[in-house]
C-alpha atoms as a PDB file:
ATOM      1  CA  GLN A   1     -15.934  -2.318  13.099  1.00  0.00           C
ATOM      2  CA  GLU A   2     -13.752  -2.236  10.023  1.00  0.00           C
ATOM      3  CA  GLN A   3     -10.155  -3.354  10.509  1.00  0.00           C
ATOM      4  CA  LEU A   4      -7.270  -3.341   8.069  1.00  0.00           C
ATOM      5  CA  VAL A   5      -4.416  -5.856   8.209  1.00  0.00           C
ATOM      6  CA  GLU A   6      -1.350  -5.461   6.014  1.00  0.00           C
ATOM      7  CA  SER A   7       1.168  -8.126   5.049  1.00  0.00           C
ATOM      8  CA  GLY A   8       3.923  -8.747   2.530  1.00  0.00           C
ATOM      9  CA  GLY A   9       6.678  -6.460   3.726  1.00  0.00           C
ATOM     10  CA  GLY A  10      10.264  -7.569   4.101  1.00  0.00           C
ATOM     11  CA  LEU A  11      13.880  -7.054   3.143  1.00  0.00           C
ATOM     12  CA  VAL A  12      14.751  -6.930  -0.545  1.00  0.00           C
ATOM     13  CA  GLN A  13      17.711  -5.832  -2.623  1.00  0.00           C
ATOM     14  CA  ALA A  14      17.487  -2.793  -4.861  1.00  0.00           C
ATOM     15  CA  GLY A  15      15.831  -3.717  -8.147  1.00  0.00           C
ATOM     16  CA  GLY A  16      13.720  -6.391  -6.524  1.00  0.00           C
ATOM     17  CA  SER A  17       9.960  -6.662  -6.053  1.00  0.00           C
ATOM     18  CA  LEU A  18       7.475  -7.081  -3.253  1.00  0.00           C
ATOM     19  CA  ARG A  19       3.706  -7.328  -3.147  1.00  0.00           C
ATOM     20  CA  LEU A  20       1.839  -5.884  -0.200  1.00  0.00           C
ATOM     21  CA  SER A  21      -1.665  -6.973   0.719  1.00  0.00           C
ATOM     22  CA  CYS A  22      -4.265  -5.316   2.912  1.00  0.00           C
ATOM     23  CA  VAL A  23      -7.312  -7.275   3.995  1.00  0.00           C
ATOM     24  CA  ALA A  24     -10.315  -5.378   5.318  1.00  0.00           C
ATOM     25  CA  SER A  25     -12.764  -6.961   7.711  1.00  0.00           C
ATOM     26  CA  GLY A  26     -16.418  -6.100   7.479  1.00  0.00           C
ATOM     27  CA  ASN A  27     -18.651  -5.948   4.445  1.00  0.00           C
ATOM     28  CA  ILE A  28     -18.313  -2.354   3.273  1.00  0.00           C
ATOM     29  CA  PHE A  29     -14.923  -2.541   1.582  1.00  0.00           C
ATOM     30  CA  SER A  30     -16.414  -2.178  -1.885  1.00  0.00           C
ATOM     31  CA  ILE A  31     -17.787   1.320  -1.231  1.00  0.00           C
ATOM     32  CA  TYR A  32     -14.506   2.957  -0.219  1.00  0.00           C
ATOM     33  CA  SER A  33     -11.473   4.223  -2.008  1.00  0.00           C
ATOM     34  CA  MET A  34      -8.350   2.578  -0.630  1.00  0.00           C
ATOM     35  CA  SER A  35      -4.849   3.954  -0.355  1.00  0.00           C
ATOM     36  CA  TRP A  36      -1.314   3.000   0.523  1.00  0.00           C
ATOM     37  CA  TYR A  37       0.867   5.423   2.455  1.00  0.00           C
ATOM     38  CA  ARG A  38       4.445   5.106   3.615  1.00  0.00           C
ATOM     39  CA  GLN A  39       6.575   6.694   6.275  1.00  0.00           C
ATOM     40  CA  ALA A  40      10.331   6.711   6.205  1.00  0.00           C
ATOM     41  CA  PRO A  41      12.324   7.275   9.416  1.00  0.00           C
ATOM     42  CA  GLY A  42      12.280  10.940  10.344  1.00  0.00           C
ATOM     43  CA  LYS A  43       9.850  11.853   7.589  1.00  0.00           C
ATOM     44  CA  GLN A  44       6.139  12.531   7.327  1.00  0.00           C
ATOM     45  CA  ARG A  45       3.722   9.911   6.127  1.00  0.00           C
ATOM     46  CA  GLU A  46       3.112  10.297   2.401  1.00  0.00           C
ATOM     47  CA  LEU A  47       0.560   8.998  -0.061  1.00  0.00           C
ATOM     48  CA  VAL A  48       1.960   6.327  -2.379  1.00  0.00           C
ATOM     49  CA  ALA A  49      -1.089   5.232  -4.361  1.00  0.00           C
ATOM     50  CA  ARG A  50      -4.884   5.347  -4.280  1.00  0.00           C
ATOM     51  CA  ILE A  51      -7.563   3.312  -6.005  1.00  0.00           C
ATOM     52  CA  SER A  52     -11.194   4.326  -6.275  1.00  0.00           C
ATOM     53  CA  VAL A  53     -14.198   2.069  -5.983  1.00  0.00           C
ATOM     54  CA  GLY A  54     -14.353   1.970  -9.774  1.00  0.00           C
ATOM     55  CA  GLY A  55     -10.689   1.141 -10.139  1.00  0.00           C
ATOM     56  CA  ASN A  56      -9.286   4.551 -11.049  1.00  0.00           C
ATOM     57  CA  THR A  57      -5.764   4.935  -9.730  1.00  0.00           C
ATOM     58  CA  ASN A  58      -3.309   7.663  -8.949  1.00  0.00           C
ATOM     59  CA  TYR A  59       0.285   7.509  -7.788  1.00  0.00           C
ATOM     60  CA  ALA A  60       2.973   9.605  -6.222  1.00  0.00           C
ATOM     61  CA  ASP A  61       5.419  10.809  -8.861  1.00  0.00           C
ATOM     62  CA  SER A  62       8.220   8.909  -7.136  1.00  0.00           C
ATOM     63  CA  VAL A  63       6.578   5.524  -7.767  1.00  0.00           C
ATOM     64  CA  LYS A  64       4.877   6.025 -11.132  1.00  0.00           C
ATOM     65  CA  GLY A  65       5.817   3.290 -13.565  1.00  0.00           C
ATOM     66  CA  ARG A  66       7.143   1.042 -10.780  1.00  0.00           C
ATOM     67  CA  PHE A  67       4.228   0.433  -8.401  1.00  0.00           C
ATOM     68  CA  ILE A  68       0.759  -0.866  -9.205  1.00  0.00           C
ATOM     69  CA  ILE A  69      -2.234  -0.644  -6.877  1.00  0.00           C
ATOM     70  CA  SER A  70      -5.160  -2.996  -7.395  1.00  0.00           C
ATOM     71  CA  ARG A  71      -8.150  -4.289  -5.493  1.00  0.00           C
ATOM     72  CA  ASP A  72     -10.267  -7.404  -5.305  1.00  0.00           C
ATOM     73  CA  ASN A  73     -13.632  -6.453  -3.856  1.00  0.00           C
ATOM     74  CA  ALA A  74     -14.710 -10.084  -3.585  1.00  0.00           C
ATOM     75  CA  LYS A  75     -11.780 -10.689  -1.237  1.00  0.00           C
ATOM     76  CA  ASN A  76     -11.937  -7.302   0.536  1.00  0.00           C
ATOM     77  CA  THR A  77      -8.282  -6.888  -0.372  1.00  0.00           C
ATOM     78  CA  VAL A  78      -6.141  -4.134  -1.841  1.00  0.00           C
ATOM     79  CA  TYR A  79      -2.667  -4.846  -3.194  1.00  0.00           C
ATOM     80  CA  LEU A  80       0.456  -2.867  -3.901  1.00  0.00           C
ATOM     81  CA  GLN A  81       2.835  -4.467  -6.387  1.00  0.00           C
ATOM     82  CA  MET A  82       6.213  -2.801  -6.006  1.00  0.00           C
ATOM     83  CA  ASN A  83       8.798  -3.332  -8.727  1.00  0.00           C
ATOM     84  CA  SER A  84      12.272  -1.934  -9.352  1.00  0.00           C
ATOM     85  CA  LEU A  85      12.559  -1.086  -5.688  1.00  0.00           C
ATOM     86  CA  LYS A  86      15.029   1.549  -4.579  1.00  0.00           C
ATOM     87  CA  PRO A  87      16.606   2.186  -1.167  1.00  0.00           C
ATOM     88  CA  GLU A  88      14.510   5.347  -0.902  1.00  0.00           C
ATOM     89  CA  ASP A  89      11.368   3.193  -0.948  1.00  0.00           C
ATOM     90  CA  THR A  90      12.310   1.955   2.520  1.00  0.00           C
ATOM     91  CA  GLY A  91       9.736   2.662   5.193  1.00  0.00           C
ATOM     92  CA  ALA A  92       6.627   1.491   6.957  1.00  0.00           C
ATOM     93  CA  TYR A  93       3.739   1.027   4.541  1.00  0.00           C
ATOM     94  CA  TYR A  94       0.200   1.610   5.746  1.00  0.00           C
ATOM     95  CA  CYS A  95      -3.149   0.733   4.274  1.00  0.00           C
ATOM     96  CA  ASN A  96      -5.842   3.385   4.573  1.00  0.00           C
ATOM     97  CA  SER A  97      -9.547   3.319   3.933  1.00  0.00           C
ATOM     98  CA  GLN A  98     -11.644   6.287   2.849  1.00  0.00           C
ATOM     99  CA  SER A  99     -13.594   5.609   6.047  1.00  0.00           C
ATOM    100  CA  GLY A 100     -10.547   6.820   7.961  1.00  0.00           C
ATOM    101  CA  ARG A 101      -9.258   3.487   9.202  1.00  0.00           C
ATOM    102  CA  TRP A 102      -5.553   2.631   9.185  1.00  0.00           C
ATOM    103  CA  GLY A 103      -3.750  -0.657   9.316  1.00  0.00           C
ATOM    104  CA  GLN A 104      -0.870  -1.364  11.673  1.00  0.00           C
ATOM    105  CA  GLY A 105       1.730  -1.084   8.919  1.00  0.00           C
ATOM    106  CA  THR A 106       4.224  -3.423   7.319  1.00  0.00           C
ATOM    107  CA  GLN A 107       7.937  -2.685   7.038  1.00  0.00           C
ATOM    108  CA  VAL A 108       9.686  -2.562   3.680  1.00  0.00           C
ATOM    109  CA  THR A 109      13.477  -2.357   3.636  1.00  0.00           C
ATOM    110  CA  VAL A 110      15.393  -2.041   0.385  1.00  0.00           C
ATOM    111  CA  SER A 111      19.119  -2.600   0.569  1.00  0.00           C
ATOM    112  CA  SER A 112      21.555  -1.060  -1.896  1.00  0.00           C
END
């Protein structure tokens, strides 16, 4: 059964960068769109970025120009490069597969 494992979260100062990774087990990664979501304390989970099988991407307006989603199908991995981080980017970041699977989440904290 497909599993998703995120890594790369941490504490960073405003203006800094982090790169999140999500590794998918199984051999069907390449046929699914993959997404990153985040959830701040007291708020609903929201879509941050999505990448299709063919590499087409879309982003939440709040992260456009700062975040980049990418995938490596050979490694069953999707990445989220986060630059120019702001305190409002703080939250738990989750990897999601089009198949409906979710990772356990990785915490990102941006200090001002």
